[in-house]
């Protein structure tokens, strides 16, 4: 069910996202060997351990939040059309987070298409589920799409989160829970809302 994002504010958004991880984090992730929650926590943990800036850590943590907030439900390997979870997630995040975090969510699917078009070795990294979703999402970008995508001012961060997306699929990897990252998430919210 789609959340009532109008009822959320600076003081409730982080708890709302945390409740999603707590309630729905154990849901299957597209046939991968990890759950949805594990996948996002792994990306954030890898980013944190490698000394990435907070915007990348939070971007990795929240990039797939649209799988939970989309009114269409979670994507499965049986799907025959794309559900545009990236747009559903960005819709929730854009009121509360800087554009770099929102763009890491909104464009992580496009980043996969971009990397498959511009870095042929990247395709070899994709799991079967990622290849399946890539086909539903339009396949590798055309040269015109590549050129347009490269104009995004947050391209570097989007690509970084895309690589973390592929890395966050390790069965049995130990990670902290969402609440470890919650103060960082709140800092990103406060920073953004103080600037607008």
Protein backbone atom coordinates (compact mmCIF):
# COMPACT_ATOMS: atom_id res chain seq x y z
CA UNK A 1 0.00 0.00 0.00
CA UNK A 2 1.30 3.41 -0.94
CA UNK A 3 2.20 5.50 2.13
CA UNK A 4 0.60 8.85 2.84
CA UNK A 5 3.81 10.83 2.34
CA UNK A 6 1.99 14.09 3.07
CA UNK A 7 1.72 13.05 6.73
CA UNK A 8 5.49 12.60 7.07
CA UNK A 9 7.82 15.35 8.27
CA UNK A 10 11.39 15.97 9.36
CA UNK A 11 10.75 14.35 12.74
CA UNK A 12 8.97 11.24 11.43
CA UNK A 13 10.58 10.31 8.10
CA UNK A 14 13.52 8.40 9.57
CA UNK A 15 11.30 6.40 11.92
CA UNK A 16 8.97 5.70 9.00
CA UNK A 17 11.82 4.35 6.88
CA UNK A 18 13.12 2.35 9.85
CA UNK A 19 9.68 0.81 10.33
CA UNK A 20 9.75 -0.31 6.68
CA UNK A 21 13.06 -2.08 7.26
CA UNK A 22 11.73 -3.64 10.48
CA UNK A 23 8.41 -4.78 9.03
CA UNK A 24 9.32 -5.68 5.48
CA UNK A 25 13.09 -6.12 5.33
CA UNK A 26 12.78 -9.90 5.31
CA UNK A 27 10.89 -9.93 2.01
CA UNK A 28 12.43 -11.80 -0.91
CA UNK A 29 14.68 -9.79 -3.18
CA UNK A 30 14.03 -10.86 -6.77
CA UNK A 31 15.29 -14.39 -6.28
CA UNK A 32 18.66 -13.19 -4.95
CA UNK A 33 20.35 -14.98 -2.01
CA UNK A 34 19.53 -12.01 0.26
CA UNK A 35 16.37 -10.32 1.47
CA UNK A 36 15.40 -6.80 0.45
CA UNK A 37 16.61 -5.42 3.78
CA UNK A 38 19.88 -7.34 3.66
CA UNK A 39 20.53 -6.07 0.14
CA UNK A 40 20.19 -2.40 1.05
CA UNK A 41 22.04 -2.79 4.36
CA UNK A 42 24.90 -4.57 2.60
CA UNK A 43 25.33 -1.74 0.11
CA UNK A 44 25.37 0.83 2.89
CA UNK A 45 27.75 -1.25 5.00
CA UNK A 46 30.20 -1.74 2.13
CA UNK A 47 30.08 2.01 1.45
CA UNK A 48 30.67 2.84 5.11
CA UNK A 49 33.53 0.36 5.49
CA UNK A 50 35.24 1.74 2.39
CA UNK A 51 35.06 5.32 3.70
CA UNK A 52 32.47 6.64 1.26
CA UNK A 53 30.78 9.96 2.09
CA UNK A 54 27.44 9.94 3.90
CA UNK A 55 25.49 10.78 0.73
CA UNK A 56 26.73 7.55 -0.89
CA UNK A 57 26.07 5.46 2.23
CA UNK A 58 22.53 6.83 2.57
CA UNK A 59 21.99 6.57 -1.19
CA UNK A 60 22.96 2.90 -1.10
CA UNK A 61 20.80 2.31 1.98
CA UNK A 62 17.70 3.81 0.37
CA UNK A 63 18.14 3.13 -3.35
CA UNK A 64 15.60 0.28 -3.43
CA UNK A 65 13.11 1.72 -0.92
CA UNK A 66 10.58 1.94 -3.76
CA UNK A 67 10.18 -1.83 -3.68
CA UNK A 68 8.47 -1.26 -0.34
CA UNK A 69 6.64 1.98 -1.04
CA UNK A 70 5.33 1.12 -4.49
CA UNK A 71 1.62 0.43 -4.51
CA UNK A 72 2.33 -2.26 -7.09
CA UNK A 73 4.28 -4.43 -4.67
CA UNK A 74 7.66 -6.12 -4.93
CA UNK A 75 9.12 -7.14 -8.29
CA UNK A 76 9.53 -10.87 -8.88
CA UNK A 77 11.27 -13.01 -11.50
CA UNK A 78 7.80 -13.85 -12.88
CA UNK A 79 7.10 -10.24 -13.81
CA UNK A 80 6.80 -9.42 -17.48
CA UNK A 81 6.89 -5.64 -17.13
CA UNK A 82 8.85 -3.11 -15.13
CA UNK A 83 7.21 -1.69 -11.98
CA UNK A 84 9.34 1.48 -11.83
CA UNK A 85 10.26 1.07 -8.17
CA UNK A 86 12.95 3.72 -8.63
CA UNK A 87 10.29 6.38 -9.27
CA UNK A 88 8.14 5.21 -6.36
CA UNK A 89 11.11 5.46 -4.01
CA UNK A 90 12.26 8.83 -5.29
CA UNK A 91 8.74 10.19 -4.81
CA UNK A 92 8.97 9.42 -1.10
CA UNK A 93 12.56 10.64 -0.68
CA UNK A 94 12.53 13.88 -2.66
CA UNK A 95 10.77 15.93 0.02
CA UNK A 96 13.31 15.02 2.67
CA UNK A 97 16.69 14.33 1.07
CA UNK A 98 19.14 16.25 -1.08
CA UNK A 99 18.97 15.64 -4.80
CA UNK A 100 22.09 13.48 -4.73
CA UNK A 101 20.37 10.89 -2.48
CA UNK A 102 17.09 11.10 -4.39
CA UNK A 103 18.95 10.78 -7.71
CA UNK A 104 20.78 7.67 -6.47
CA UNK A 105 17.33 6.14 -6.00
CA UNK A 106 15.64 7.61 -9.08
CA UNK A 107 18.45 6.73 -11.50
CA UNK A 108 19.98 3.49 -10.20
CA UNK A 109 18.04 1.53 -12.83
CA UNK A 110 19.17 3.95 -15.55
CA UNK A 111 22.72 3.58 -14.23
CA UNK A 112 22.59 -0.16 -14.84
CA UNK A 113 21.44 0.48 -18.41
CA UNK A 114 24.17 3.11 -18.78
CA UNK A 115 26.95 0.88 -17.49
CA UNK A 116 25.85 -2.01 -19.69
CA UNK A 117 26.09 0.33 -22.68
CA UNK A 118 29.40 1.99 -21.79
CA UNK A 119 31.33 -0.67 -19.87
CA UNK A 120 30.81 -4.10 -21.45
CA UNK A 121 32.56 -5.84 -18.53
CA UNK A 122 29.85 -4.53 -16.19
CA UNK A 123 27.25 -6.83 -17.72
CA UNK A 124 29.28 -9.83 -16.50
CA UNK A 125 28.71 -8.66 -12.90
CA UNK A 126 24.94 -8.88 -13.17
CA UNK A 127 23.03 -11.65 -11.47
CA UNK A 128 20.33 -13.55 -13.37
CA UNK A 129 17.69 -11.39 -11.67
CA UNK A 130 19.49 -8.20 -12.72
CA UNK A 131 19.70 -9.41 -16.30
CA UNK A 132 15.97 -10.24 -16.21
CA UNK A 133 15.07 -6.80 -14.87
CA UNK A 134 17.49 -5.12 -17.32
CA UNK A 135 15.52 -6.63 -20.19
CA UNK A 136 12.26 -5.33 -18.73
CA UNK A 137 13.80 -1.90 -18.13
CA UNK A 138 14.82 -1.32 -21.75
CA UNK A 139 18.22 -3.01 -22.01
CA UNK A 140 21.47 -1.09 -22.48
CA UNK A 141 21.06 2.60 -23.28
CA UNK A 142 21.24 3.93 -26.80
CA UNK A 143 24.04 6.42 -27.61
CA UNK A 144 21.50 9.25 -27.31
CA UNK A 145 20.37 8.03 -23.89
CA UNK A 146 24.00 7.72 -22.76
CA UNK A 147 24.71 11.30 -23.80
CA UNK A 148 21.65 12.62 -21.96
CA UNK A 149 22.37 10.56 -18.83
CA UNK A 150 25.93 11.87 -18.63
CA UNK A 151 24.53 15.39 -18.11
CA UNK A 152 23.27 14.51 -14.62
CA UNK A 153 25.29 16.53 -12.08
CA UNK A 154 25.16 13.58 -9.66
CA UNK A 155 26.40 11.02 -12.20
CA UNK A 156 29.48 10.01 -10.16
CA UNK A 157 27.43 9.30 -7.03
CA UNK A 158 24.70 7.48 -8.97
CA UNK A 159 27.30 5.19 -10.54
CA UNK A 160 28.93 4.58 -7.14
CA UNK A 161 25.57 3.49 -5.70
CA UNK A 162 24.94 1.28 -8.73
CA UNK A 163 28.16 -0.62 -8.06
CA UNK A 164 27.12 -0.97 -4.41
CA UNK A 165 23.76 -2.28 -5.61
CA UNK A 166 25.50 -5.14 -7.41
CA UNK A 167 27.86 -5.76 -4.48
CA UNK A 168 25.05 -6.04 -1.92
CA UNK A 169 23.96 -9.57 -2.74
CA UNK A 170 26.17 -11.71 -0.50
CA UNK A 171 24.46 -14.55 1.35
CA UNK A 172 25.24 -14.50 5.06
CA UNK A 173 27.08 -11.16 5.16
CA UNK A 174 26.86 -9.58 8.60
CA UNK A 175 25.70 -5.97 8.67
CA UNK A 176 24.36 -3.55 11.24
CA UNK A 177 20.62 -2.95 11.15
CA UNK A 178 18.91 0.18 9.85
CA UNK A 179 19.12 1.90 13.24
CA UNK A 180 22.92 1.97 13.03
CA UNK A 181 22.53 4.25 10.00
CA UNK A 182 19.53 6.22 11.33
CA UNK A 183 21.58 9.14 12.78
CA UNK A 184 23.30 9.53 9.41
CA UNK A 185 19.95 9.41 7.60
CA UNK A 186 18.61 12.08 9.98
CA UNK A 187 21.66 14.28 9.35
CA UNK A 188 20.99 14.12 5.61
CA UNK A 189 17.34 15.07 6.18
CA UNK A 190 18.26 17.94 8.54
CA UNK A 191 20.95 19.23 6.17
CA UNK A 192 18.55 19.25 3.24
CA UNK A 193 15.59 20.77 5.03
CA UNK A 194 17.75 23.46 6.61
CA UNK A 195 18.94 24.48 3.16
CA UNK A 196 15.50 24.83 1.55
